[in-house]
């Protein structure tokens, strides 16, 4: 399949036309309108500094159904200790900045470029992007952020500086998703870590069907 070059008009090709690795299109911008259109079609940006904006729609897609979240023994113990505080949308900027510099298995490179950070902060200010923060002794030790559309939450990234801090944030997000009747959390890429937490892969066709159903509901905008 060809890689599509996006026009100035805010449209995307059919995600089912993506390459085998999920790459669908190149170009465009990170405007609020384009990002929302992308997520509503099961597409997300992922690229590095010095590259053009790349748009992806993987097949299969990894998602987490709130009812299937797995709480390990160690995480349950951390939750019981209650020596932390979890907040929503207290400091979105700090969360995305920490995610950008987070060391992942020795790889200090990031796809969360300055341009990406600025775009998602604007989405947060518009009420579409949200963060979950874990604090200990008033110090930010972990968190995550993502996009909320309809009854779907698109998880983008997470970080931690202390054990289980990001998992505690995810646990808190899942709890809220259950209360609010969210259908799923999109975690995008298949990883053993997310699989251990209960995430599972579904064919892109199935994911797009689930997404279509989720978007029939109004988005929970504003600060959470």
N, C-alpha and C. Protein backbone atom coordinates (compact mmCIF):
# COMPACT_ATOMS: atom_id res chain seq x y z
N UNK A 1 0.84 -1.19 0.00
CA UNK A 1 0.00 0.00 0.00
C UNK A 1 0.88 1.26 0.00
N UNK A 2 0.45 2.33 -0.66
CA UNK A 2 1.23 3.58 -0.65
C UNK A 2 1.08 4.30 0.69
N UNK A 3 2.09 5.12 1.02
CA UNK A 3 1.99 6.01 2.17
C UNK A 3 1.34 7.30 1.68
N UNK A 4 0.24 7.69 2.27
CA UNK A 4 -0.50 8.84 1.81
C UNK A 4 0.10 10.14 2.33
N UNK A 5 0.17 11.15 1.49
CA UNK A 5 0.59 12.48 1.91
C UNK A 5 -0.66 13.30 2.19
N UNK A 6 -0.76 13.82 3.40
CA UNK A 6 -1.97 14.53 3.79
C UNK A 6 -2.05 15.90 3.14
N UNK A 7 -3.24 16.28 2.69
CA UNK A 7 -3.43 17.63 2.14
C UNK A 7 -3.67 18.63 3.28
N UNK A 8 -3.82 19.90 2.94
CA UNK A 8 -4.13 20.91 3.95
C UNK A 8 -5.51 20.68 4.55
N UNK A 9 -6.40 20.14 3.75
CA UNK A 9 -7.74 19.80 4.24
C UNK A 9 -7.61 18.74 5.33
N UNK A 10 -8.45 18.85 6.37
CA UNK A 10 -8.34 17.92 7.50
C UNK A 10 -9.13 16.65 7.20
N UNK A 11 -8.50 15.74 6.48
CA UNK A 11 -9.07 14.44 6.17
C UNK A 11 -7.97 13.40 6.27
N UNK A 12 -8.37 12.14 6.47
CA UNK A 12 -7.44 11.03 6.52
C UNK A 12 -7.92 9.91 5.61
N UNK A 13 -7.00 9.14 5.06
CA UNK A 13 -7.40 7.96 4.28
C UNK A 13 -7.98 6.89 5.20
N UNK A 14 -8.62 5.92 4.63
CA UNK A 14 -9.16 4.78 5.37
C UNK A 14 -8.03 4.10 6.14
N UNK A 15 -8.15 3.96 7.46
CA UNK A 15 -7.08 3.33 8.24
C UNK A 15 -6.77 1.91 7.81
N UNK A 16 -7.72 1.25 7.18
CA UNK A 16 -7.47 -0.12 6.71
C UNK A 16 -6.48 -0.18 5.55
N UNK A 17 -6.09 0.99 5.02
CA UNK A 17 -5.12 1.06 3.94
C UNK A 17 -3.69 1.21 4.45
N UNK A 18 -3.51 1.14 5.76
CA UNK A 18 -2.18 1.31 6.35
C UNK A 18 -1.23 0.18 5.93
N UNK A 19 0.07 0.48 5.99
CA UNK A 19 1.09 -0.51 5.74
C UNK A 19 1.02 -1.63 6.79
N UNK A 20 1.74 -2.70 6.55
CA UNK A 20 1.73 -3.82 7.49
C UNK A 20 2.16 -3.41 8.89
N UNK A 21 3.10 -2.45 8.98
CA UNK A 21 3.55 -1.99 10.29
C UNK A 21 2.64 -0.94 10.90
N UNK A 22 1.58 -0.55 10.19
CA UNK A 22 0.62 0.40 10.71
C UNK A 22 0.76 1.80 10.18
N UNK A 23 1.83 2.10 9.46
CA UNK A 23 2.03 3.45 8.93
C UNK A 23 1.01 3.73 7.83
N UNK A 24 0.33 4.86 7.96
CA UNK A 24 -0.75 5.19 7.04
C UNK A 24 -0.46 6.43 6.20
N UNK A 25 0.01 7.49 6.86
CA UNK A 25 0.13 8.76 6.16
C UNK A 25 1.27 9.58 6.72
N UNK A 26 1.62 10.64 5.98
CA UNK A 26 2.70 11.53 6.38
C UNK A 26 2.26 12.96 6.12
N UNK A 27 2.77 13.88 6.95
CA UNK A 27 2.49 15.30 6.72
C UNK A 27 1.38 15.84 7.59
N UNK A 28 0.80 16.93 7.13
CA UNK A 28 -0.25 17.57 7.91
C UNK A 28 0.32 18.38 9.06
N UNK A 29 -0.47 18.54 10.10
CA UNK A 29 -0.04 19.32 11.26
C UNK A 29 -0.63 18.68 12.51
N UNK A 30 -0.36 19.30 13.66
CA UNK A 30 -0.87 18.81 14.93
C UNK A 30 -1.91 19.76 15.51
N UNK A 31 -2.72 20.32 14.64
CA UNK A 31 -3.80 21.20 15.11
C UNK A 31 -4.83 20.39 15.89
N UNK A 32 -5.56 21.07 16.75
CA UNK A 32 -6.58 20.41 17.54
C UNK A 32 -7.57 19.67 16.65
N UNK A 33 -7.99 20.31 15.58
CA UNK A 33 -8.99 19.71 14.69
C UNK A 33 -8.47 18.45 14.03
N UNK A 34 -7.20 18.48 13.60
CA UNK A 34 -6.65 17.31 12.92
C UNK A 34 -6.43 16.16 13.89
N UNK A 35 -5.95 16.47 15.10
CA UNK A 35 -5.72 15.42 16.08
C UNK A 35 -7.03 14.73 16.47
N UNK A 36 -8.07 15.50 16.69
CA UNK A 36 -9.35 14.92 17.06
C UNK A 36 -9.90 14.06 15.92
N UNK A 37 -9.76 14.55 14.69
CA UNK A 37 -10.20 13.78 13.53
C UNK A 37 -9.42 12.47 13.43
N UNK A 38 -8.11 12.54 13.71
CA UNK A 38 -7.28 11.34 13.65
C UNK A 38 -7.74 10.31 14.66
N UNK A 39 -7.85 10.70 15.93
CA UNK A 39 -8.24 9.74 16.97
C UNK A 39 -9.64 9.18 16.71
N UNK A 40 -10.53 10.01 16.21
CA UNK A 40 -11.88 9.54 15.92
C UNK A 40 -11.91 8.49 14.82
N UNK A 41 -10.80 8.40 14.06
CA UNK A 41 -10.70 7.40 12.99
C UNK A 41 -9.68 6.31 13.31
N UNK A 42 -9.27 6.23 14.58
CA UNK A 42 -8.35 5.17 14.98
C UNK A 42 -6.93 5.40 14.52
N UNK A 43 -6.53 6.66 14.37
CA UNK A 43 -5.22 7.03 13.86
C UNK A 43 -4.52 7.91 14.88
N UNK A 44 -3.20 7.79 15.01
CA UNK A 44 -2.47 8.64 15.94
C UNK A 44 -1.10 9.01 15.37
N UNK A 45 -0.53 10.14 15.80
CA UNK A 45 0.80 10.54 15.32
C UNK A 45 1.90 9.92 16.16
N UNK A 46 3.00 9.59 15.50
CA UNK A 46 4.15 9.00 16.21
C UNK A 46 5.37 9.18 15.32
N UNK A 47 6.27 10.03 15.76
CA UNK A 47 7.45 10.33 14.95
C UNK A 47 8.52 10.94 15.86
N UNK A 48 9.72 11.13 15.34
CA UNK A 48 10.83 11.68 16.12
C UNK A 48 11.24 13.03 15.56
N UNK A 49 12.01 13.77 16.34
CA UNK A 49 12.55 15.04 15.87
C UNK A 49 13.30 14.85 14.56
N UNK A 50 13.11 15.78 13.64
CA UNK A 50 13.79 15.70 12.35
C UNK A 50 13.02 14.93 11.31
N UNK A 51 11.94 14.26 11.71
CA UNK A 51 11.08 13.53 10.77
C UNK A 51 9.82 14.32 10.50
N UNK A 52 9.18 14.09 9.34
CA UNK A 52 7.84 14.65 9.13
C UNK A 52 6.86 13.95 10.07
N UNK A 53 5.70 14.52 10.24
CA UNK A 53 4.68 13.89 11.09
C UNK A 53 4.21 12.61 10.43
N UNK A 54 4.28 11.50 11.16
CA UNK A 54 3.84 10.20 10.67
C UNK A 54 2.57 9.78 11.41
N UNK A 55 1.63 9.22 10.67
CA UNK A 55 0.33 8.84 11.23
C UNK A 55 0.16 7.33 11.10
N UNK A 56 -0.33 6.69 12.19
CA UNK A 56 -0.35 5.24 12.29
C UNK A 56 -1.73 4.70 12.66
N UNK A 57 -1.98 3.48 12.22
CA UNK A 57 -3.16 2.73 12.64
C UNK A 57 -2.79 1.24 12.62
N UNK A 58 -2.21 0.74 13.73
CA UNK A 58 -1.69 -0.63 13.76
C UNK A 58 -2.78 -1.70 13.66
N UNK A 59 -2.37 -2.84 13.20
CA UNK A 59 -3.24 -4.02 13.15
C UNK A 59 -2.40 -5.24 13.52
N UNK A 60 -2.67 -5.88 14.68
CA UNK A 60 -3.80 -5.61 15.58
C UNK A 60 -3.55 -4.41 16.48
N UNK A 61 -4.58 -4.07 17.25
CA UNK A 61 -4.53 -2.93 18.16
C UNK A 61 -4.66 -3.46 19.58
N UNK A 62 -3.86 -2.93 20.50
CA UNK A 62 -3.96 -3.36 21.89
C UNK A 62 -4.86 -2.41 22.67
N UNK A 63 -5.85 -2.98 23.36
CA UNK A 63 -6.78 -2.18 24.16
C UNK A 63 -6.96 -2.84 25.52
N UNK A 64 -7.43 -2.04 26.46
CA UNK A 64 -7.69 -2.52 27.81
C UNK A 64 -9.15 -2.25 28.15
N UNK A 65 -9.90 -3.32 28.36
CA UNK A 65 -11.27 -3.17 28.84
C UNK A 65 -11.20 -2.96 30.35
N UNK A 66 -11.86 -1.92 30.88
CA UNK A 66 -11.75 -1.62 32.31
C UNK A 66 -12.01 -2.81 33.22
N UNK A 67 -12.97 -3.65 32.88
CA UNK A 67 -13.31 -4.79 33.74
C UNK A 67 -12.24 -5.87 33.73
N UNK A 68 -11.29 -5.80 32.80
CA UNK A 68 -10.27 -6.84 32.69
C UNK A 68 -8.91 -6.40 33.24
N UNK A 69 -8.86 -5.24 33.87
CA UNK A 69 -7.59 -4.76 34.42
C UNK A 69 -7.13 -5.70 35.54
N UNK A 70 -5.87 -6.12 35.48
CA UNK A 70 -5.33 -7.06 36.45
C UNK A 70 -4.52 -6.31 37.52
N UNK A 71 -4.90 -6.53 38.77
CA UNK A 71 -4.19 -5.91 39.89
C UNK A 71 -3.28 -6.96 40.51
N UNK A 72 -1.97 -6.80 40.35
CA UNK A 72 -1.01 -7.74 40.90
C UNK A 72 -0.96 -7.64 42.42
N UNK A 73 -0.35 -8.63 43.04
CA UNK A 73 -0.22 -8.63 44.50
C UNK A 73 0.57 -7.42 44.99
N UNK A 74 1.67 -7.10 44.28
CA UNK A 74 2.49 -5.96 44.69
C UNK A 74 1.75 -4.64 44.51
N UNK A 75 0.98 -4.52 43.41
CA UNK A 75 0.21 -3.30 43.20
C UNK A 75 -0.89 -3.17 44.25
N UNK A 76 -1.54 -4.27 44.57
CA UNK A 76 -2.59 -4.23 45.59
C UNK A 76 -2.01 -3.78 46.94
N UNK A 77 -0.79 -4.24 47.22
CA UNK A 77 -0.14 -3.84 48.47
C UNK A 77 0.19 -2.35 48.45
N UNK A 78 0.66 -1.85 47.30
CA UNK A 78 0.96 -0.43 47.19
C UNK A 78 -0.29 0.42 47.37
N UNK A 79 -1.40 -0.07 46.82
CA UNK A 79 -2.66 0.66 46.96
C UNK A 79 -3.12 0.68 48.41
N UNK A 80 -2.94 -0.44 49.10
CA UNK A 80 -3.34 -0.51 50.51
C UNK A 80 -2.51 0.41 51.40
N UNK A 81 -1.24 0.58 51.05
CA UNK A 81 -0.36 1.40 51.88
C UNK A 81 -0.85 2.84 52.01
N UNK A 82 -1.49 3.33 50.95
CA UNK A 82 -2.10 4.67 50.95
C UNK A 82 -1.11 5.77 51.32
N UNK A 83 0.13 5.60 50.93
CA UNK A 83 1.12 6.64 51.19
C UNK A 83 1.34 7.51 49.95
N UNK A 84 0.28 7.62 49.15
CA UNK A 84 0.34 8.40 47.93
C UNK A 84 -0.98 9.13 47.74
N UNK A 85 -0.99 10.09 46.84
CA UNK A 85 -2.20 10.83 46.48
C UNK A 85 -2.33 10.79 44.96
N UNK A 86 -3.52 10.49 44.47
CA UNK A 86 -3.76 10.46 43.03
C UNK A 86 -4.69 11.61 42.66
N UNK A 87 -4.31 12.35 41.63
CA UNK A 87 -5.11 13.48 41.17
C UNK A 87 -5.34 13.37 39.66
N UNK A 88 -6.36 14.04 39.19
CA UNK A 88 -6.65 14.10 37.76
C UNK A 88 -6.51 15.56 37.30
N UNK A 89 -5.77 15.74 36.23
CA UNK A 89 -5.64 17.06 35.59
C UNK A 89 -5.09 18.14 36.52
N UNK A 90 -4.28 17.75 37.49
CA UNK A 90 -3.66 18.77 38.35
C UNK A 90 -2.50 19.45 37.64
N UNK A 91 -1.67 18.64 36.92
CA UNK A 91 -0.49 19.21 36.28
C UNK A 91 -0.18 18.44 35.01
N UNK A 92 -1.01 18.67 34.00
CA UNK A 92 -0.86 17.97 32.73
C UNK A 92 0.52 18.22 32.13
N UNK A 93 0.96 19.47 32.17
CA UNK A 93 2.24 19.83 31.57
C UNK A 93 3.39 19.05 32.19
N UNK A 94 3.40 18.92 33.51
CA UNK A 94 4.47 18.18 34.19
C UNK A 94 4.45 16.71 33.79
N UNK A 95 3.27 16.14 33.63
CA UNK A 95 3.16 14.73 33.27
C UNK A 95 3.73 14.49 31.87
N UNK A 96 3.32 15.29 30.90
CA UNK A 96 3.79 15.05 29.53
C UNK A 96 5.29 15.33 29.42
N UNK A 97 5.79 16.29 30.18
CA UNK A 97 7.23 16.56 30.17
C UNK A 97 8.01 15.40 30.78
N UNK A 98 7.50 14.81 31.85
CA UNK A 98 8.16 13.66 32.46
C UNK A 98 8.09 12.44 31.55
N UNK A 99 6.98 12.27 30.86
CA UNK A 99 6.88 11.16 29.91
C UNK A 99 7.91 11.32 28.79
N UNK A 100 8.15 12.56 28.39
CA UNK A 100 9.08 12.82 27.29
C UNK A 100 10.52 12.47 27.65
N UNK A 101 10.88 12.62 28.92
CA UNK A 101 12.27 12.37 29.33
C UNK A 101 12.44 11.02 30.01
N UNK A 102 11.36 10.25 30.10
CA UNK A 102 11.41 8.97 30.79
C UNK A 102 12.36 8.01 30.09
N UNK A 103 13.21 7.35 30.86
CA UNK A 103 14.17 6.37 30.34
C UNK A 103 13.47 5.02 30.21
N UNK A 104 13.32 4.55 28.95
CA UNK A 104 12.64 3.27 28.71
C UNK A 104 13.67 2.23 28.29
N UNK A 105 14.01 1.37 29.26
CA UNK A 105 14.97 0.29 28.99
C UNK A 105 16.27 0.79 28.39
N UNK A 106 16.75 1.93 28.94
CA UNK A 106 18.02 2.47 28.48
C UNK A 106 17.92 3.35 27.26
N UNK A 107 16.73 3.45 26.67
CA UNK A 107 16.53 4.29 25.49
C UNK A 107 16.02 5.65 25.94
N UNK A 108 16.86 6.66 25.86
CA UNK A 108 16.47 7.98 26.33
C UNK A 108 15.89 8.85 25.22
N UNK A 109 15.79 8.32 24.02
CA UNK A 109 15.18 9.06 22.93
C UNK A 109 13.67 9.19 23.17
N UNK A 110 13.04 10.14 22.49
CA UNK A 110 11.61 10.33 22.71
C UNK A 110 10.90 10.65 21.42
N UNK A 111 9.64 10.21 21.33
CA UNK A 111 8.78 10.62 20.24
C UNK A 111 7.89 11.78 20.69
N UNK A 112 7.94 12.10 21.99
CA UNK A 112 7.12 13.20 22.51
C UNK A 112 7.94 14.48 22.34
N UNK A 113 7.98 14.96 21.12
CA UNK A 113 8.77 16.14 20.79
C UNK A 113 8.16 17.39 21.42
N UNK A 114 8.91 18.47 21.38
CA UNK A 114 8.39 19.75 21.89
C UNK A 114 7.11 20.13 21.16
N UNK A 115 7.08 19.89 19.85
CA UNK A 115 5.88 20.16 19.04
C UNK A 115 4.70 19.33 19.53
N UNK A 116 4.94 18.07 19.84
CA UNK A 116 3.89 17.20 20.36
C UNK A 116 3.40 17.69 21.71
N UNK A 117 4.33 18.05 22.58
CA UNK A 117 3.94 18.53 23.91
C UNK A 117 3.04 19.75 23.80
N UNK A 118 3.42 20.69 22.97
CA UNK A 118 2.62 21.91 22.82
C UNK A 118 1.23 21.60 22.27
N UNK A 119 1.15 20.67 21.33
CA UNK A 119 -0.14 20.31 20.73
C UNK A 119 -1.07 19.66 21.74
N UNK A 120 -0.52 18.77 22.58
CA UNK A 120 -1.37 18.05 23.53
C UNK A 120 -1.73 18.93 24.73
N UNK A 121 -0.88 19.87 25.06
CA UNK A 121 -1.24 20.84 26.10
C UNK A 121 -2.42 21.67 25.62
N UNK A 122 -2.43 22.05 24.35
CA UNK A 122 -3.58 22.77 23.79
C UNK A 122 -4.84 21.91 23.83
N UNK A 123 -4.69 20.61 23.54
CA UNK A 123 -5.83 19.70 23.63
C UNK A 123 -6.34 19.60 25.06
N UNK A 124 -5.40 19.62 26.01
CA UNK A 124 -5.78 19.60 27.42
C UNK A 124 -6.56 20.87 27.78
N UNK A 125 -6.07 22.00 27.34
CA UNK A 125 -6.75 23.27 27.63
C UNK A 125 -8.13 23.32 26.99
N UNK A 126 -8.30 22.58 25.89
CA UNK A 126 -9.60 22.51 25.21
C UNK A 126 -10.52 21.48 25.84
N UNK A 127 -10.01 20.70 26.81
CA UNK A 127 -10.84 19.74 27.53
C UNK A 127 -10.84 18.33 26.98
N UNK A 128 -9.98 18.03 26.00
CA UNK A 128 -9.95 16.69 25.39
C UNK A 128 -8.83 15.80 25.93
N UNK A 129 -7.73 16.39 26.35
CA UNK A 129 -6.60 15.62 26.86
C UNK A 129 -6.57 15.69 28.39
N UNK A 130 -6.24 14.57 29.02
CA UNK A 130 -6.30 14.49 30.48
C UNK A 130 -5.07 13.78 31.03
N UNK A 131 -4.77 14.09 32.26
CA UNK A 131 -3.64 13.45 32.93
C UNK A 131 -4.09 12.87 34.27
N UNK A 132 -3.36 11.86 34.70
CA UNK A 132 -3.53 11.29 36.04
C UNK A 132 -2.16 11.36 36.71
N UNK A 133 -2.12 11.91 37.91
CA UNK A 133 -0.85 12.11 38.60
C UNK A 133 -0.82 11.33 39.91
N UNK A 134 0.32 10.72 40.19
CA UNK A 134 0.55 10.06 41.48
C UNK A 134 1.59 10.87 42.25
N UNK A 135 1.21 11.28 43.48
CA UNK A 135 2.10 12.08 44.32
C UNK A 135 2.45 11.32 45.60
N UNK A 136 3.66 11.57 46.08
CA UNK A 136 4.10 11.06 47.38
C UNK A 136 4.81 12.20 48.09
N UNK A 137 4.29 12.55 49.27
CA UNK A 137 4.85 13.68 50.01
C UNK A 137 4.88 14.93 49.13
N UNK A 138 3.79 15.14 48.39
CA UNK A 138 3.62 16.30 47.49
C UNK A 138 4.60 16.32 46.32
N UNK A 139 5.27 15.20 46.06
CA UNK A 139 6.20 15.11 44.94
C UNK A 139 5.59 14.22 43.86
N UNK A 140 5.61 14.68 42.61
CA UNK A 140 5.08 13.90 41.49
C UNK A 140 6.01 12.73 41.21
N UNK A 141 5.51 11.50 41.37
CA UNK A 141 6.35 10.32 41.19
C UNK A 141 5.88 9.42 40.05
N UNK A 142 4.78 9.76 39.42
CA UNK A 142 4.30 8.94 38.32
C UNK A 142 3.02 9.53 37.72
N UNK A 143 2.67 9.05 36.54
CA UNK A 143 1.44 9.53 35.92
C UNK A 143 1.29 9.05 34.49
N UNK A 144 0.22 9.48 33.88
CA UNK A 144 -0.07 9.14 32.49
C UNK A 144 -0.93 10.23 31.89
N UNK A 145 -1.02 10.23 30.57
CA UNK A 145 -1.92 11.18 29.90
C UNK A 145 -2.50 10.54 28.66
N UNK A 146 -3.60 11.11 28.18
CA UNK A 146 -4.23 10.59 26.98
C UNK A 146 -5.38 11.47 26.54
N UNK A 147 -6.10 11.00 25.54
CA UNK A 147 -7.19 11.74 24.92
C UNK A 147 -8.51 11.04 25.22
N UNK A 148 -9.55 11.82 25.50
CA UNK A 148 -10.87 11.25 25.74
C UNK A 148 -11.84 11.72 24.66
N UNK A 149 -12.44 10.75 23.97
CA UNK A 149 -13.47 11.04 22.98
C UNK A 149 -14.61 10.04 23.18
N UNK A 150 -15.81 10.54 23.34
CA UNK A 150 -16.94 9.64 23.57
C UNK A 150 -16.69 8.79 24.79
N UNK A 151 -16.87 7.48 24.65
CA UNK A 151 -16.61 6.54 25.74
C UNK A 151 -15.30 5.79 25.54
N UNK A 152 -14.38 6.41 24.82
CA UNK A 152 -13.06 5.81 24.58
C UNK A 152 -11.99 6.73 25.16
N UNK A 153 -10.96 6.12 25.75
CA UNK A 153 -9.81 6.88 26.22
C UNK A 153 -8.58 6.35 25.50
N UNK A 154 -7.81 7.25 24.90
CA UNK A 154 -6.63 6.88 24.13
C UNK A 154 -5.39 7.18 24.97
N UNK A 155 -4.84 6.15 25.60
CA UNK A 155 -3.65 6.34 26.42
C UNK A 155 -2.43 6.62 25.57
N UNK A 156 -1.70 7.66 25.90
CA UNK A 156 -0.54 8.05 25.10
C UNK A 156 0.78 7.61 25.72
N UNK A 157 1.00 7.92 26.98
CA UNK A 157 2.27 7.56 27.59
C UNK A 157 2.14 7.62 29.11
N UNK A 158 3.07 6.98 29.81
CA UNK A 158 3.10 7.03 31.26
C UNK A 158 4.55 7.05 31.72
N UNK A 159 4.75 7.44 32.98
CA UNK A 159 6.10 7.47 33.53
C UNK A 159 6.04 7.18 35.02
N UNK A 160 7.16 6.81 35.60
CA UNK A 160 7.25 6.65 37.04
C UNK A 160 8.69 6.86 37.48
N UNK A 161 8.84 7.40 38.67
CA UNK A 161 10.16 7.51 39.29
C UNK A 161 10.26 6.62 40.52
N UNK A 162 9.12 6.05 40.93
CA UNK A 162 9.10 5.08 42.02
C UNK A 162 8.24 3.89 41.59
N UNK A 163 8.55 2.72 42.11
CA UNK A 163 7.88 1.50 41.72
C UNK A 163 6.37 1.61 41.89
N UNK A 164 5.64 1.14 40.89
CA UNK A 164 4.17 1.06 40.88
C UNK A 164 3.48 2.42 40.74
N UNK A 165 4.21 3.52 40.66
CA UNK A 165 3.56 4.84 40.62
C UNK A 165 2.70 5.02 39.37
N UNK A 166 3.19 4.58 38.21
CA UNK A 166 2.39 4.71 36.99
C UNK A 166 1.23 3.72 36.99
N UNK A 167 1.46 2.54 37.58
CA UNK A 167 0.38 1.54 37.66
C UNK A 167 -0.74 2.04 38.57
N UNK A 168 -0.38 2.74 39.63
CA UNK A 168 -1.39 3.32 40.53
C UNK A 168 -2.22 4.35 39.77
N UNK A 169 -1.56 5.15 38.94
CA UNK A 169 -2.28 6.12 38.11
C UNK A 169 -3.24 5.41 37.16
N UNK A 170 -2.76 4.33 36.53
CA UNK A 170 -3.61 3.57 35.61
C UNK A 170 -4.77 2.92 36.34
N UNK A 171 -4.50 2.36 37.52
CA UNK A 171 -5.56 1.77 38.35
C UNK A 171 -6.65 2.81 38.64
N UNK A 172 -6.24 4.02 38.97
CA UNK A 172 -7.19 5.09 39.28
C UNK A 172 -7.98 5.49 38.05
N UNK A 173 -7.30 5.53 36.89
CA UNK A 173 -8.00 5.83 35.64
C UNK A 173 -9.03 4.76 35.33
N UNK A 174 -8.63 3.50 35.45
CA UNK A 174 -9.55 2.39 35.17
C UNK A 174 -10.76 2.45 36.08
N UNK A 175 -10.56 2.77 37.34
CA UNK A 175 -11.67 2.88 38.28
C UNK A 175 -12.66 3.96 37.83
N UNK A 176 -12.12 5.08 37.38
CA UNK A 176 -13.00 6.15 36.89
C UNK A 176 -13.69 5.74 35.60
N UNK A 177 -12.98 5.04 34.73
CA UNK A 177 -13.59 4.57 33.48
C UNK A 177 -14.79 3.67 33.77
N UNK A 178 -14.64 2.82 34.78
CA UNK A 178 -15.75 1.95 35.17
C UNK A 178 -16.94 2.77 35.64
N UNK A 179 -16.68 3.74 36.50
CA UNK A 179 -17.75 4.57 37.06
C UNK A 179 -18.47 5.35 35.96
N UNK A 180 -17.74 5.77 34.97
CA UNK A 180 -18.31 6.61 33.91
C UNK A 180 -18.78 5.81 32.70
N UNK A 181 -18.64 4.50 32.76
CA UNK A 181 -19.13 3.66 31.68
C UNK A 181 -18.32 3.72 30.39
N UNK A 182 -17.01 3.99 30.51
CA UNK A 182 -16.16 3.99 29.32
C UNK A 182 -16.05 2.56 28.79
N UNK A 183 -15.92 2.45 27.49
CA UNK A 183 -15.88 1.13 26.85
C UNK A 183 -14.50 0.50 26.87
N UNK A 184 -13.46 1.30 26.62
CA UNK A 184 -12.10 0.74 26.57
C UNK A 184 -11.08 1.86 26.66
N UNK A 185 -9.84 1.44 26.97
CA UNK A 185 -8.67 2.32 26.90
C UNK A 185 -7.79 1.80 25.78
N UNK A 186 -7.53 2.63 24.79
CA UNK A 186 -6.65 2.26 23.69
C UNK A 186 -5.21 2.45 24.15
N UNK A 187 -4.42 1.38 24.16
CA UNK A 187 -3.01 1.50 24.55
C UNK A 187 -2.08 1.31 23.33
N UNK A 188 -2.69 1.21 22.16
CA UNK A 188 -2.00 1.28 20.87
C UNK A 188 -1.12 0.09 20.56
N UNK A 189 0.05 0.01 21.21
CA UNK A 189 1.05 -0.98 20.83
C UNK A 189 1.03 -2.20 21.76
N UNK A 190 1.31 -3.35 21.18
CA UNK A 190 1.34 -4.61 21.92
C UNK A 190 2.63 -4.73 22.71
N UNK A 191 2.53 -4.72 24.05
CA UNK A 191 3.72 -4.91 24.89
C UNK A 191 3.40 -5.93 25.99
N UNK A 192 4.42 -6.65 26.44
CA UNK A 192 4.24 -7.63 27.50
C UNK A 192 3.80 -6.95 28.80
N UNK A 193 4.33 -5.76 29.05
CA UNK A 193 3.97 -5.03 30.27
C UNK A 193 2.47 -4.75 30.31
N UNK A 194 1.92 -4.23 29.22
CA UNK A 194 0.49 -3.92 29.19
C UNK A 194 -0.34 -5.19 29.18
N UNK A 195 0.16 -6.22 28.53
CA UNK A 195 -0.54 -7.51 28.54
C UNK A 195 -0.66 -8.04 29.97
N UNK A 196 0.40 -7.85 30.77
CA UNK A 196 0.37 -8.32 32.17
C UNK A 196 -0.67 -7.58 33.00
N UNK A 197 -1.07 -6.40 32.53
CA UNK A 197 -2.07 -5.60 33.24
C UNK A 197 -3.49 -5.88 32.74
N UNK A 198 -3.61 -6.78 31.76
CA UNK A 198 -4.93 -7.16 31.28
C UNK A 198 -5.28 -6.68 29.89
N UNK A 199 -4.38 -5.93 29.26
CA UNK A 199 -4.64 -5.46 27.90
C UNK A 199 -4.60 -6.63 26.92
N UNK A 200 -5.32 -6.50 25.83
CA UNK A 200 -5.38 -7.56 24.84
C UNK A 200 -5.41 -6.97 23.44
N UNK A 201 -4.99 -7.75 22.46
CA UNK A 201 -5.00 -7.28 21.08
C UNK A 201 -6.30 -7.69 20.39
N UNK A 202 -6.78 -6.80 19.55
CA UNK A 202 -7.95 -7.09 18.72
C UNK A 202 -7.61 -6.66 17.29
N UNK A 203 -8.20 -7.31 16.29
CA UNK A 203 -7.96 -6.88 14.91
C UNK A 203 -8.39 -5.43 14.72
N UNK A 204 -7.72 -4.74 13.83
CA UNK A 204 -8.05 -3.32 13.60
C UNK A 204 -9.53 -3.16 13.24
N UNK A 205 -10.06 -4.06 12.45
CA UNK A 205 -11.47 -3.97 12.07
C UNK A 205 -12.36 -3.97 13.30
N UNK A 206 -12.07 -4.85 14.26
CA UNK A 206 -12.84 -4.92 15.49
C UNK A 206 -12.66 -3.64 16.30
N UNK A 207 -11.41 -3.16 16.37
CA UNK A 207 -11.15 -1.92 17.11
C UNK A 207 -11.96 -0.76 16.55
N UNK A 208 -12.00 -0.64 15.23
CA UNK A 208 -12.73 0.46 14.60
C UNK A 208 -14.23 0.34 14.86
N UNK A 209 -14.73 -0.88 14.94
CA UNK A 209 -16.14 -1.08 15.27
C UNK A 209 -16.43 -0.65 16.70
N UNK A 210 -15.53 -1.03 17.62
CA UNK A 210 -15.69 -0.62 19.02
C UNK A 210 -15.62 0.91 19.14
N UNK A 211 -14.69 1.49 18.41
CA UNK A 211 -14.53 2.94 18.45
C UNK A 211 -15.77 3.65 17.92
N UNK A 212 -16.31 3.15 16.83
CA UNK A 212 -17.52 3.75 16.27
C UNK A 212 -18.65 3.76 17.29
N UNK A 213 -18.80 2.66 18.02
CA UNK A 213 -19.83 2.59 19.04
C UNK A 213 -19.57 3.55 20.19
N UNK A 214 -18.31 3.72 20.56
CA UNK A 214 -17.95 4.60 21.67
C UNK A 214 -18.19 6.06 21.33
N UNK A 215 -18.01 6.41 20.07
CA UNK A 215 -18.14 7.81 19.66
C UNK A 215 -19.59 8.26 19.52
N UNK A 216 -20.52 7.36 19.74
CA UNK A 216 -21.93 7.74 19.71
C UNK A 216 -22.35 8.46 20.98
N UNK A 217 -21.44 8.46 21.97
CA UNK A 217 -21.70 9.11 23.26
C UNK A 217 -20.95 10.44 23.33
N UNK A 218 -21.47 11.40 24.08
CA UNK A 218 -20.76 12.69 24.22
C UNK A 218 -19.46 12.54 24.97
N UNK A 219 -18.49 13.36 24.65
CA UNK A 219 -17.18 13.35 25.32
C UNK A 219 -17.28 14.03 26.68
N UNK A 220 -16.57 13.49 27.66
CA UNK A 220 -16.51 14.11 28.98
C UNK A 220 -15.37 15.12 28.95
N UNK A 221 -15.70 16.36 28.61
CA UNK A 221 -14.69 17.38 28.42
C UNK A 221 -14.47 18.18 29.71
N UNK A 222 -13.43 19.01 29.69
CA UNK A 222 -13.12 19.83 30.84
C UNK A 222 -12.23 19.10 31.82
N UNK A 223 -11.92 19.75 32.92
CA UNK A 223 -11.05 19.13 33.92
C UNK A 223 -11.78 18.01 34.63
N UNK A 224 -11.06 16.92 34.84
CA UNK A 224 -11.62 15.76 35.54
C UNK A 224 -11.30 15.84 37.03
